[in-house]
Full PDB file with SEQRES, HELIX, SHEET, SSBOND, CRYST1, ORIGX, SCALE, CONECT and MASTER records, all heavy atoms in Angstrom:
SEQRES   1 A   41  ILE ALA ASP ALA TYR ASP THR TYR LEU VAL ASP GLN TRP          
SEQRES   2 A   41  GLY VAL LEU HIS ASP GLY HIS THR ALA HIS ALA PRO ALA          
SEQRES   3 A   41  VAL ASP VAL MET HIS ARG LEU LYS ASP ALA GLY LYS LYS          
SEQRES   4 A   41  LEU ILE                                                      
HELIX    1 AA1 ALA A    2  ALA A    4  5                                   3    
HELIX    2 AA2 ALA A   24  ASP A   35  1                                  12    
SHEET    1 AA1 2 THR A   7  TYR A   8  0                                        
SHEET    2 AA1 2 LYS A  39  LEU A  40  1                                        
CRYST1    1.000    1.000    1.000  90.00  90.00  90.00 P 1           1          
ORIGX1      1.000000  0.000000  0.000000        0.00000                         
ORIGX2      0.000000  1.000000  0.000000        0.00000                         
ORIGX3      0.000000  0.000000  1.000000        0.00000                         
SCALE1      1.000000  0.000000  0.000000        0.00000                         
SCALE2      0.000000  1.000000  0.000000        0.00000                         
SCALE3      0.000000  0.000000  1.000000        0.00000                         
ATOM      1  N   ILE A   1     -37.939-180.060  72.291  1.00  0.00           N  
ATOM      2  CA  ILE A   1     -38.548-179.478  73.497  1.00  0.00           C  
ATOM      3  C   ILE A   1     -39.979-179.015  73.285  1.00  0.00           C  
ATOM      4  O   ILE A   1     -40.634-178.572  74.230  1.00  0.00           O  
ATOM      5  CB  ILE A   1     -37.706-178.291  74.021  1.00  0.00           C  
ATOM      6  CG1 ILE A   1     -37.626-177.175  72.973  1.00  0.00           C  
ATOM      7  CG2 ILE A   1     -36.310-178.749  74.414  1.00  0.00           C  
ATOM      8  CD1 ILE A   1     -36.958-175.899  73.479  1.00  0.00           C  
ATOM      9  N   ALA A   2     -40.499-179.106  72.065  1.00  0.00           N  
ATOM     10  CA  ALA A   2     -41.800-178.522  71.743  1.00  0.00           C  
ATOM     11  C   ALA A   2     -42.928-179.060  72.620  1.00  0.00           C  
ATOM     12  O   ALA A   2     -43.850-178.312  72.992  1.00  0.00           O  
ATOM     13  CB  ALA A   2     -42.128-178.756  70.269  1.00  0.00           C  
ATOM     14  N   ASP A   3     -42.898-180.338  72.952  1.00  0.00           N  
ATOM     15  CA  ASP A   3     -43.981-180.933  73.726  1.00  0.00           C  
ATOM     16  C   ASP A   3     -43.989-180.485  75.187  1.00  0.00           C  
ATOM     17  O   ASP A   3     -44.975-180.690  75.895  1.00  0.00           O  
ATOM     18  CB  ASP A   3     -43.898-182.462  73.675  1.00  0.00           C  
ATOM     19  CG  ASP A   3     -44.228-183.009  72.295  1.00  0.00           C  
ATOM     20  OD1 ASP A   3     -44.865-182.277  71.509  1.00  0.00           O  
ATOM     21  OD2 ASP A   3     -43.835-184.151  72.001  1.00  0.00           O  
ATOM     22  N   ALA A   4     -42.912-179.868  75.634  1.00  0.00           N  
ATOM     23  CA  ALA A   4     -42.802-179.490  77.053  1.00  0.00           C  
ATOM     24  C   ALA A   4     -43.518-178.185  77.377  1.00  0.00           C  
ATOM     25  O   ALA A   4     -43.672-177.849  78.552  1.00  0.00           O  
ATOM     26  CB  ALA A   4     -41.329-179.383  77.445  1.00  0.00           C  
ATOM     27  N   TYR A   5     -43.998-177.462  76.344  1.00  0.00           N  
ATOM     28  CA  TYR A   5     -44.588-176.145  76.567  1.00  0.00           C  
ATOM     29  C   TYR A   5     -45.876-175.982  75.770  1.00  0.00           C  
ATOM     30  O   TYR A   5     -46.079-176.625  74.740  1.00  0.00           O  
ATOM     31  CB  TYR A   5     -43.589-175.041  76.195  1.00  0.00           C  
ATOM     32  CG  TYR A   5     -42.296-175.163  76.965  1.00  0.00           C  
ATOM     33  CD1 TYR A   5     -41.206-175.845  76.432  1.00  0.00           C  
ATOM     34  CD2 TYR A   5     -42.179-174.644  78.249  1.00  0.00           C  
ATOM     35  CE1 TYR A   5     -40.028-175.992  77.159  1.00  0.00           C  
ATOM     36  CE2 TYR A   5     -41.008-174.783  78.982  1.00  0.00           C  
ATOM     37  CZ  TYR A   5     -39.946-175.465  78.434  1.00  0.00           C  
ATOM     38  OH  TYR A   5     -38.778-175.621  79.150  1.00  0.00           O  
ATOM     39  N   ASP A   6     -46.735-175.101  76.270  1.00  0.00           N  
ATOM     40  CA  ASP A   6     -48.015-174.827  75.608  1.00  0.00           C  
ATOM     41  C   ASP A   6     -48.073-173.421  75.023  1.00  0.00           C  
ATOM     42  O   ASP A   6     -48.779-173.180  74.049  1.00  0.00           O  
ATOM     43  CB  ASP A   6     -49.173-174.973  76.605  1.00  0.00           C  
ATOM     44  CG  ASP A   6     -49.226-176.344  77.229  1.00  0.00           C  
ATOM     45  OD1 ASP A   6     -49.062-177.337  76.501  1.00  0.00           O  
ATOM     46  OD2 ASP A   6     -49.410-176.421  78.465  1.00  0.00           O  
ATOM     47  N   THR A   7     -47.356-172.481  75.639  1.00  0.00           N  
ATOM     48  CA  THR A   7     -47.388-171.071  75.235  1.00  0.00           C  
ATOM     49  C   THR A   7     -45.975-170.594  74.950  1.00  0.00           C  
ATOM     50  O   THR A   7     -45.054-170.858  75.736  1.00  0.00           O  
ATOM     51  CB  THR A   7     -48.014-170.194  76.337  1.00  0.00           C  
ATOM     52  OG1 THR A   7     -49.343-170.651  76.601  1.00  0.00           O  
ATOM     53  CG2 THR A   7     -48.051-168.735  75.918  1.00  0.00           C  
ATOM     54  N   TYR A   8     -45.815-169.885  73.838  1.00  0.00           N  
ATOM     55  CA  TYR A   8     -44.494-169.410  73.440  1.00  0.00           C  
ATOM     56  C   TYR A   8     -44.515-167.899  73.250  1.00  0.00           C  
ATOM     57  O   TYR A   8     -45.371-167.359  72.546  1.00  0.00           O  
ATOM     58  CB  TYR A   8     -44.057-170.087  72.130  1.00  0.00           C  
ATOM     59  CG  TYR A   8     -43.898-171.577  72.276  1.00  0.00           C  
ATOM     60  CD1 TYR A   8     -44.975-172.421  72.057  1.00  0.00           C  
ATOM     61  CD2 TYR A   8     -42.686-172.132  72.687  1.00  0.00           C  
ATOM     62  CE1 TYR A   8     -44.840-173.791  72.217  1.00  0.00           C  
ATOM     63  CE2 TYR A   8     -42.549-173.493  72.852  1.00  0.00           C  
ATOM     64  CZ  TYR A   8     -43.633-174.320  72.624  1.00  0.00           C  
ATOM     65  OH  TYR A   8     -43.503-175.674  72.801  1.00  0.00           O  
ATOM     66  N   LEU A   9     -43.595-167.227  73.927  1.00  0.00           N  
ATOM     67  CA  LEU A   9     -43.404-165.791  73.777  1.00  0.00           C  
ATOM     68  C   LEU A   9     -42.218-165.603  72.840  1.00  0.00           C  
ATOM     69  O   LEU A   9     -41.070-165.872  73.205  1.00  0.00           O  
ATOM     70  CB  LEU A   9     -43.134-165.144  75.142  1.00  0.00           C  
ATOM     71  CG  LEU A   9     -44.219-165.379  76.196  1.00  0.00           C  
ATOM     72  CD1 LEU A   9     -43.793-164.774  77.536  1.00  0.00           C  
ATOM     73  CD2 LEU A   9     -45.559-164.802  75.752  1.00  0.00           C  
ATOM     74  N   VAL A  10     -42.486-165.141  71.628  1.00  0.00           N  
ATOM     75  CA  VAL A  10     -41.495-165.179  70.552  1.00  0.00           C  
ATOM     76  C   VAL A  10     -41.011-163.774  70.212  1.00  0.00           C  
ATOM     77  O   VAL A  10     -41.812-162.901  69.840  1.00  0.00           O  
ATOM     78  CB  VAL A  10     -42.095-165.844  69.294  1.00  0.00           C  
ATOM     79  CG1 VAL A  10     -41.007-166.040  68.232  1.00  0.00           C  
ATOM     80  CG2 VAL A  10     -42.753-167.180  69.641  1.00  0.00           C  
ATOM     81  N   ASP A  11     -39.722-163.548  70.337  1.00  0.00           N  
ATOM     82  CA  ASP A  11     -39.117-162.314  69.848  1.00  0.00           C  
ATOM     83  C   ASP A  11     -39.133-162.370  68.323  1.00  0.00           C  
ATOM     84  O   ASP A  11     -39.140-163.452  67.734  1.00  0.00           O  
ATOM     85  CB  ASP A  11     -37.679-162.217  70.373  1.00  0.00           C  
ATOM     86  CG  ASP A  11     -37.006-160.910  70.007  1.00  0.00           C  
ATOM     87  OD1 ASP A  11     -37.694-159.870  70.005  1.00  0.00           O  
ATOM     88  OD2 ASP A  11     -35.796-160.934  69.726  1.00  0.00           O  
ATOM     89  N   GLN A  12     -39.133-161.214  67.669  1.00  0.00           N  
ATOM     90  CA  GLN A  12     -39.194-161.251  66.208  1.00  0.00           C  
ATOM     91  C   GLN A  12     -37.833-161.001  65.556  1.00  0.00           C  
ATOM     92  O   GLN A  12     -37.266-161.890  64.925  1.00  0.00           O  
ATOM     93  CB  GLN A  12     -40.259-160.289  65.684  1.00  0.00           C  
ATOM     94  CG  GLN A  12     -40.200-158.870  66.194  1.00  0.00           C  
ATOM     95  CD  GLN A  12     -41.097-157.932  65.410  1.00  0.00           C  
ATOM     96  OE1 GLN A  12     -41.549-158.217  64.297  1.00  0.00           O  
ATOM     97  NE2 GLN A  12     -41.359-156.766  65.970  1.00  0.00           N  
ATOM     98  N   TRP A  13     -37.267-159.826  65.730  1.00  0.00           N  
ATOM     99  CA  TRP A  13     -35.999-159.479  65.074  1.00  0.00           C  
ATOM    100  C   TRP A  13     -34.880-160.357  65.639  1.00  0.00           C  
ATOM    101  O   TRP A  13     -34.683-160.412  66.838  1.00  0.00           O  
ATOM    102  CB  TRP A  13     -35.687-158.013  65.335  1.00  0.00           C  
ATOM    103  CG  TRP A  13     -34.638-157.419  64.441  1.00  0.00           C  
ATOM    104  CD1 TRP A  13     -33.380-157.873  64.260  1.00  0.00           C  
ATOM    105  CD2 TRP A  13     -34.750-156.263  63.619  1.00  0.00           C  
ATOM    106  NE1 TRP A  13     -32.683-157.079  63.395  1.00  0.00           N  
ATOM    107  CE2 TRP A  13     -33.521-156.072  62.970  1.00  0.00           C  
ATOM    108  CE3 TRP A  13     -35.789-155.353  63.375  1.00  0.00           C  
ATOM    109  CZ2 TRP A  13     -33.289-155.019  62.095  1.00  0.00           C  
ATOM    110  CZ3 TRP A  13     -35.544-154.304  62.507  1.00  0.00           C  
ATOM    111  CH2 TRP A  13     -34.313-154.148  61.873  1.00  0.00           C  
ATOM    112  N   GLY A  14     -34.146-161.026  64.777  1.00  0.00           N  
ATOM    113  CA  GLY A  14     -33.066-161.910  65.207  1.00  0.00           C  
ATOM    114  C   GLY A  14     -33.509-163.335  65.431  1.00  0.00           C  
ATOM    115  O   GLY A  14     -32.674-164.239  65.567  1.00  0.00           O  
ATOM    116  N   VAL A  15     -34.829-163.554  65.451  1.00  0.00           N  
ATOM    117  CA  VAL A  15     -35.367-164.903  65.640  1.00  0.00           C  
ATOM    118  C   VAL A  15     -36.173-165.327  64.421  1.00  0.00           C  
ATOM    119  O   VAL A  15     -35.883-166.342  63.787  1.00  0.00           O  
ATOM    120  CB  VAL A  15     -36.241-164.974  66.909  1.00  0.00           C  
ATOM    121  CG1 VAL A  15     -36.903-166.351  67.031  1.00  0.00           C  
ATOM    122  CG2 VAL A  15     -35.409-164.677  68.149  1.00  0.00           C  
ATOM    123  N   LEU A  16     -37.196-164.521  64.080  1.00  0.00           N  
ATOM    124  CA  LEU A  16     -38.051-164.843  62.941  1.00  0.00           C  
ATOM    125  C   LEU A  16     -37.604-164.169  61.649  1.00  0.00           C  
ATOM    126  O   LEU A  16     -37.895-164.653  60.554  1.00  0.00           O  
ATOM    127  CB  LEU A  16     -39.491-164.422  63.235  1.00  0.00           C  
ATOM    128  CG  LEU A  16     -40.205-165.158  64.357  1.00  0.00           C  
ATOM    129  CD1 LEU A  16     -41.620-164.611  64.528  1.00  0.00           C  
ATOM    130  CD2 LEU A  16     -40.256-166.658  64.099  1.00  0.00           C  
ATOM    131  N   HIS A  17     -36.917-163.040  61.765  1.00  0.00           N  
ATOM    132  CA  HIS A  17     -36.488-162.299  60.579  1.00  0.00           C  
ATOM    133  C   HIS A  17     -35.329-161.380  60.940  1.00  0.00           C  
ATOM    134  O   HIS A  17     -34.973-161.233  62.117  1.00  0.00           O  
ATOM    135  CB  HIS A  17     -37.651-161.493  59.986  1.00  0.00           C  
ATOM    136  CG  HIS A  17     -38.238-160.472  60.926  1.00  0.00           C  
ATOM    137  ND1 HIS A  17     -37.622-159.272  61.223  1.00  0.00           N  
ATOM    138  CD2 HIS A  17     -39.387-160.470  61.649  1.00  0.00           C  
ATOM    139  CE1 HIS A  17     -38.348-158.569  62.055  1.00  0.00           C  
ATOM    140  NE2 HIS A  17     -39.426-159.272  62.356  1.00  0.00           N  
ATOM    141  N   ASP A  18     -34.741-160.748  59.914  1.00  0.00           N  
ATOM    142  CA  ASP A  18     -33.619-159.826  60.139  1.00  0.00           C  
ATOM    143  C   ASP A  18     -34.023-158.380  59.908  1.00  0.00           C  
ATOM    144  O   ASP A  18     -33.170-157.509  59.720  1.00  0.00           O  
ATOM    145  CB  ASP A  18     -32.431-160.198  59.245  1.00  0.00           C  
ATOM    146  CG  ASP A  18     -32.738-160.096  57.752  1.00  0.00           C  
ATOM    147  OD1 ASP A  18     -33.827-159.575  57.387  1.00  0.00           O  
ATOM    148  OD2 ASP A  18     -31.897-160.539  56.948  1.00  0.00           O  
ATOM    149  N   GLY A  19     -35.320-158.128  59.929  1.00  0.00           N  
ATOM    150  CA  GLY A  19     -35.825-156.783  59.656  1.00  0.00           C  
ATOM    151  C   GLY A  19     -36.246-156.589  58.218  1.00  0.00           C  
ATOM    152  O   GLY A  19     -36.997-155.665  57.908  1.00  0.00           O  
ATOM    153  N   HIS A  20     -35.757-157.467  57.334  1.00  0.00           N  
ATOM    154  CA  HIS A  20     -36.080-157.362  55.916  1.00  0.00           C  
ATOM    155  C   HIS A  20     -36.596-158.680  55.348  1.00  0.00           C  
ATOM    156  O   HIS A  20     -37.514-158.687  54.532  1.00  0.00           O  
ATOM    157  CB  HIS A  20     -34.845-156.926  55.116  1.00  0.00           C  
ATOM    158  CG  HIS A  20     -34.277-155.617  55.549  1.00  0.00           C  
ATOM    159  ND1 HIS A  20     -34.791-154.406  55.146  1.00  0.00           N  
ATOM    160  CD2 HIS A  20     -33.237-155.319  56.380  1.00  0.00           C  
ATOM    161  CE1 HIS A  20     -34.102-153.420  55.695  1.00  0.00           C  
ATOM    162  NE2 HIS A  20     -33.153-153.951  56.441  1.00  0.00           N  
ATOM    163  N   THR A  21     -35.992-159.779  55.796  1.00  0.00           N  
ATOM    164  CA  THR A  21     -36.289-161.091  55.231  1.00  0.00           C  
ATOM    165  C   THR A  21     -36.601-162.089  56.333  1.00  0.00           C  
ATOM    166  O   THR A  21     -35.909-162.125  57.360  1.00  0.00           O  
ATOM    167  CB  THR A  21     -35.090-161.607  54.409  1.00  0.00           C  
ATOM    168  OG1 THR A  21     -34.735-160.619  53.433  1.00  0.00           O  
ATOM    169  CG2 THR A  21     -35.432-162.911  53.709  1.00  0.00           C  
ATOM    170  N   ALA A  22     -37.627-162.890  56.105  1.00  0.00           N  
ATOM    171  CA  ALA A  22     -37.987-163.920  57.087  1.00  0.00           C  
ATOM    172  C   ALA A  22     -36.952-165.037  57.095  1.00  0.00           C  
ATOM    173  O   ALA A  22     -36.347-165.354  56.069  1.00  0.00           O  
ATOM    174  CB  ALA A  22     -39.356-164.486  56.747  1.00  0.00           C  
ATOM    175  N   HIS A  23     -36.737-165.623  58.277  1.00  0.00           N  
ATOM    176  CA  HIS A  23     -35.909-166.828  58.397  1.00  0.00           C  
ATOM    177  C   HIS A  23     -36.833-168.023  58.192  1.00  0.00           C  
ATOM    178  O   HIS A  23     -37.604-168.387  59.092  1.00  0.00           O  
ATOM    179  CB  HIS A  23     -35.246-166.896  59.766  1.00  0.00           C  
ATOM    180  CG  HIS A  23     -34.324-165.745  60.067  1.00  0.00           C  
ATOM    181  ND1 HIS A  23     -33.503-165.188  59.117  1.00  0.00           N  
ATOM    182  CD2 HIS A  23     -34.103-165.044  61.215  1.00  0.00           C  
ATOM    183  CE1 HIS A  23     -32.804-164.197  59.653  1.00  0.00           C  
ATOM    184  NE2 HIS A  23     -33.158-164.082  60.916  1.00  0.00           N  
ATOM    185  N   ALA A  24     -36.767-168.638  57.023  1.00  0.00           N  
ATOM    186  CA  ALA A  24     -37.716-169.690  56.649  1.00  0.00           C  
ATOM    187  C   ALA A  24     -37.775-170.837  57.659  1.00  0.00           C  
ATOM    188  O   ALA A  24     -38.873-171.290  58.003  1.00  0.00           O  
ATOM    189  CB  ALA A  24     -37.404-170.210  55.250  1.00  0.00           C  
ATOM    190  N   PRO A  25     -36.649-171.348  58.157  1.00  0.00           N  
ATOM    191  CA  PRO A  25     -36.725-172.440  59.127  1.00  0.00           C  
ATOM    192  C   PRO A  25     -37.447-172.038  60.415  1.00  0.00           C  
ATOM    193  O   PRO A  25     -38.163-172.852  61.010  1.00  0.00           O  
ATOM    194  CB  PRO A  25     -35.256-172.771  59.403  1.00  0.00           C  
ATOM    195  CG  PRO A  25     -34.528-172.307  58.188  1.00  0.00           C  
ATOM    196  CD  PRO A  25     -35.249-171.067  57.765  1.00  0.00           C  
ATOM    197  N   ALA A  26     -37.277-170.783  60.846  1.00  0.00           N  
ATOM    198  CA  ALA A  26     -37.953-170.319  62.053  1.00  0.00           C  
ATOM    199  C   ALA A  26     -39.455-170.204  61.823  1.00  0.00           C  
ATOM    200  O   ALA A  26     -40.260-170.547  62.706  1.00  0.00           O  
ATOM    201  CB  ALA A  26     -37.387-168.968  62.484  1.00  0.00           C  
ATOM    202  N   VAL A  27     -39.841-169.735  60.643  1.00  0.00           N  
ATOM    203  CA  VAL A  27     -41.265-169.649  60.320  1.00  0.00           C  
ATOM    204  C   VAL A  27     -41.869-171.043  60.254  1.00  0.00           C  
ATOM    205  O   VAL A  27     -43.011-171.274  60.680  1.00  0.00           O  
ATOM    206  CB  VAL A  27     -41.478-168.885  59.001  1.00  0.00           C  
ATOM    207  CG1 VAL A  27     -42.957-168.851  58.627  1.00  0.00           C  
ATOM    208  CG2 VAL A  27     -40.938-167.458  59.126  1.00  0.00           C  
ATOM    209  N   ASP A  28     -41.108-172.002  59.744  1.00  0.00           N  
ATOM    210  CA  ASP A  28     -41.559-173.396  59.716  1.00  0.00           C  
ATOM    211  C   ASP A  28     -41.843-173.911  61.128  1.00  0.00           C  
ATOM    212  O   ASP A  28     -42.830-174.620  61.356  1.00  0.00           O  
ATOM    213  CB  ASP A  28     -40.498-174.274  59.047  1.00  0.00           C  
ATOM    214  CG  ASP A  28     -40.846-175.750  59.116  1.00  0.00           C  
ATOM    215  OD1 ASP A  28     -41.866-176.152  58.524  1.00  0.00           O  
ATOM    216  OD2 ASP A  28     -40.094-176.505  59.782  1.00  0.00           O  
ATOM    217  N   VAL A  29     -41.000-173.532  62.085  1.00  0.00           N  
ATOM    218  CA  VAL A  29     -41.234-173.910  63.486  1.00  0.00           C  
ATOM    219  C   VAL A  29     -42.567-173.354  63.959  1.00  0.00           C  
ATOM    220  O   VAL A  29     -43.346-174.053  64.630  1.00  0.00           O  
ATOM    221  CB  VAL A  29     -40.085-173.412  64.387  1.00  0.00           C  
ATOM    222  CG1 VAL A  29     -40.438-173.597  65.858  1.00  0.00           C  
ATOM    223  CG2 VAL A  29     -38.790-174.155  64.059  1.00  0.00           C  
ATOM    224  N   MET A  30     -42.867-172.103  63.617  1.00  0.00           N  
ATOM    225  CA  MET A  30     -44.131-171.497  64.023  1.00  0.00           C  
ATOM    226  C   MET A  30     -45.316-172.272  63.447  1.00  0.00           C  
ATOM    227  O   MET A  30     -46.315-172.516  64.140  1.00  0.00           O  
ATOM    228  CB  MET A  30     -44.192-170.036  63.564  1.00  0.00           C  
ATOM    229  CG  MET A  30     -43.134-169.103  64.163  1.00  0.00           C  
ATOM    230  SD  MET A  30     -43.262-168.885  65.970  1.00  0.00           S  
ATOM    231  CE  MET A  30     -41.916-169.963  66.527  1.00  0.00           C  
ATOM    232  N   HIS A  31     -45.220-172.655  62.171  1.00  0.00           N  
ATOM    233  CA  HIS A  31     -46.296-173.429  61.545  1.00  0.00           C  
ATOM    234  C   HIS A  31     -46.498-174.765  62.257  1.00  0.00           C  
ATOM    235  O   HIS A  31     -47.642-175.180  62.509  1.00  0.00           O  
ATOM    236  CB  HIS A  31     -45.984-173.659  60.068  1.00  0.00           C  
ATOM    237  CG  HIS A  31     -46.326-172.501  59.181  1.00  0.00           C  
ATOM    238  ND1 HIS A  31     -47.607-172.247  58.743  1.00  0.00           N  
ATOM    239  CD2 HIS A  31     -45.536-171.525  58.654  1.00  0.00           C  
ATOM    240  CE1 HIS A  31     -47.608-171.165  57.987  1.00  0.00           C  
ATOM    241  NE2 HIS A  31     -46.365-170.703  57.909  1.00  0.00           N  
ATOM    242  N   ARG A  32     -45.421-175.435  62.580  1.00  0.00           N  
ATOM    243  CA  ARG A  32     -45.523-176.735  63.253  1.00  0.00           C  
ATOM    244  C   ARG A  32     -46.154-176.588  64.631  1.00  0.00           C  
ATOM    245  O   ARG A  32     -46.976-177.414  65.047  1.00  0.00           O  
ATOM    246  CB  ARG A  32     -44.146-177.371  63.360  1.00  0.00           C  
ATOM    247  CG  ARG A  32     -43.559-177.848  62.032  1.00  0.00           C  
ATOM    248  CD  ARG A  32     -42.122-178.305  62.213  1.00  0.00           C  
ATOM    249  NE  ARG A  32     -41.499-178.711  60.979  1.00  0.00           N  
ATOM    250  CZ  ARG A  32     -41.402-179.981  60.551  1.00  0.00           C  
ATOM    251  NH1 ARG A  32     -41.922-180.963  61.288  1.00  0.00           N  
ATOM    252  NH2 ARG A  32     -40.801-180.271  59.412  1.00  0.00           N  
ATOM    253  N   LEU A  33     -45.761-175.548  65.356  1.00  0.00           N  
ATOM    254  CA  LEU A  33     -46.326-175.329  66.686  1.00  0.00           C  
ATOM    255  C   LEU A  33     -47.807-174.967  66.585  1.00  0.00           C  
ATOM    256  O   LEU A  33     -48.635-175.427  67.393  1.00  0.00           O  
ATOM    257  CB  LEU A  33     -45.558-174.222  67.410  1.00  0.00           C  
ATOM    258  CG  LEU A  33     -44.118-174.563  67.803  1.00  0.00           C  
ATOM    259  CD1 LEU A  33     -43.427-173.340  68.401  1.00  0.00           C  
ATOM    260  CD2 LEU A  33     -44.080-175.725  68.794  1.00  0.00           C  
ATOM    261  N   LYS A  34     -48.153-174.140  65.604  1.00  0.00           N  
ATOM    262  CA  LYS A  34     -49.551-173.770  65.410  1.00  0.00           C  
ATOM    263  C   LYS A  34     -50.389-175.002  65.094  1.00  0.00           C  
ATOM    264  O   LYS A  34     -51.496-175.183  65.635  1.00  0.00           O  
ATOM    265  CB  LYS A  34     -49.656-172.749  64.275  1.00  0.00           C  
ATOM    266  CG  LYS A  34     -51.050-172.155  64.093  1.00  0.00           C  
ATOM    267  CD  LYS A  34     -51.404-171.259  65.254  1.00  0.00           C  
ATOM    268  CE  LYS A  34     -52.716-170.524  64.985  1.00  0.00           C  
ATOM    269  NZ  LYS A  34     -53.084-169.638  66.113  1.00  0.00           N  
ATOM    270  N   ASP A  35     -49.885-175.859  64.224  1.00  0.00           N  
ATOM    271  CA  ASP A  35     -50.599-177.086  63.866  1.00  0.00           C  
ATOM    272  C   ASP A  35     -50.773-178.007  65.067  1.00  0.00           C  
ATOM    273  O   ASP A  35     -51.723-178.799  65.117  1.00  0.00           O  
ATOM    274  CB  ASP A  35     -49.846-177.829  62.756  1.00  0.00           C  
ATOM    275  CG  ASP A  35     -49.910-177.099  61.417  1.00  0.00           C  
ATOM    276  OD1 ASP A  35     -50.762-176.193  61.275  1.00  0.00           O  
ATOM    277  OD2 ASP A  35     -49.095-177.415  60.531  1.00  0.00           O  
ATOM    278  N   ALA A  36     -49.858-177.898  66.031  1.00  0.00           N  
ATOM    279  CA  ALA A  36     -49.931-178.733  67.235  1.00  0.00           C  
ATOM    280  C   ALA A  36     -50.819-178.110  68.315  1.00  0.00           C  
ATOM    281  O   ALA A  36     -50.926-178.655  69.417  1.00  0.00           O  
ATOM    282  CB  ALA A  36     -48.528-178.962  67.792  1.00  0.00           C  
ATOM    283  N   GLY A  37     -51.437-176.979  67.987  1.00  0.00           N  
ATOM    284  CA  GLY A  37     -52.348-176.352  68.937  1.00  0.00           C  
ATOM    285  C   GLY A  37     -51.677-175.500  69.993  1.00  0.00           C  
ATOM    286  O   GLY A  37     -52.297-175.170  71.015  1.00  0.00           O  
ATOM    287  N   LYS A  38     -50.431-175.109  69.773  1.00  0.00           N  
ATOM    288  CA  LYS A  38     -49.722-174.276  70.737  1.00  0.00           C  
ATOM    289  C   LYS A  38     -50.151-172.814  70.597  1.00  0.00           C  
ATOM    290  O   LYS A  38     -50.621-172.386  69.545  1.00  0.00           O  
ATOM    291  CB  LYS A  38     -48.210-174.387  70.535  1.00  0.00           C  
ATOM    292  CG  LYS A  38     -47.672-175.810  70.558  1.00  0.00           C  
ATOM    293  CD  LYS A  38     -47.844-176.469  71.914  1.00  0.00           C  
ATOM    294  CE  LYS A  38     -47.175-177.843  71.943  1.00  0.00           C  
ATOM    295  NZ  LYS A  38     -47.293-178.485  73.272  1.00  0.00           N  
ATOM    296  N   LYS A  39     -49.978-172.059  71.656  1.00  0.00           N  
ATOM    297  CA  LYS A  39     -50.293-170.626  71.646  1.00  0.00           C  
ATOM    298  C   LYS A  39     -49.020-169.848  71.365  1.00  0.00           C  
ATOM    299  O   LYS A  39     -48.014-170.001  72.078  1.00  0.00           O  
ATOM    300  CB  LYS A  39     -50.904-170.189  72.980  1.00  0.00           C  
ATOM    301  CG  LYS A  39     -51.400-168.753  72.977  1.00  0.00           C  
ATOM    302  CD  LYS A  39     -52.220-168.439  74.207  1.00  0.00           C  
ATOM    303  CE  LYS A  39     -52.847-167.057  74.132  1.00  0.00           C  
ATOM    304  NZ  LYS A  39     -53.716-166.775  75.288  1.00  0.00           N  
ATOM    305  N   LEU A  40     -49.047-168.993  70.355  1.00  0.00           N  
ATOM    306  CA  LEU A  40     -47.871-168.232  69.930  1.00  0.00           C  
ATOM    307  C   LEU A  40     -48.152-166.743  70.091  1.00  0.00           C  
ATOM    308  O   LEU A  40     -49.138-166.239  69.548  1.00  0.00           O  
ATOM    309  CB  LEU A  40     -47.531-168.536  68.477  1.00  0.00           C  
ATOM    310  CG  LEU A  40     -47.363-170.009  68.099  1.00  0.00           C  
ATOM    311  CD1 LEU A  40     -47.132-170.152  66.604  1.00  0.00           C  
ATOM    312  CD2 LEU A  40     -46.216-170.623  68.878  1.00  0.00           C  
ATOM    313  N   ILE A  41     -47.275-166.060  70.803  1.00  0.00           N  
ATOM    314  CA  ILE A  41     -47.437-164.631  71.047  1.00  0.00           C  
ATOM    315  C   ILE A  41     -46.143-163.913  70.694  1.00  0.00           C  
ATOM    316  O   ILE A  41     -45.070-164.261  71.209  1.00  0.00           O  
ATOM    317  CB  ILE A  41     -47.791-164.351  72.518  1.00  0.00           C  
ATOM    318  CG1 ILE A  41     -49.090-165.067  72.907  1.00  0.00           C  
ATOM    319  CG2 ILE A  41     -47.908-162.844  72.773  1.00  0.00           C  
ATOM    320  CD1 ILE A  41     -49.369-165.046  74.396  1.00  0.00           C  
TER     321      ILE A  41                                                      
MASTER        0    0    0    2    2    0    0    6  320    1    0    4          
END                                                                             
């Protein structure tokens, strides 16, 4: 679905990390979207 959107409103706890440790696959998604020129908030 990445190509269908330009701007992403991203929750942090439960999505990107658990409060202590980053979720590596989710962070990888952020890198891919950033490289594609998407706006991440």
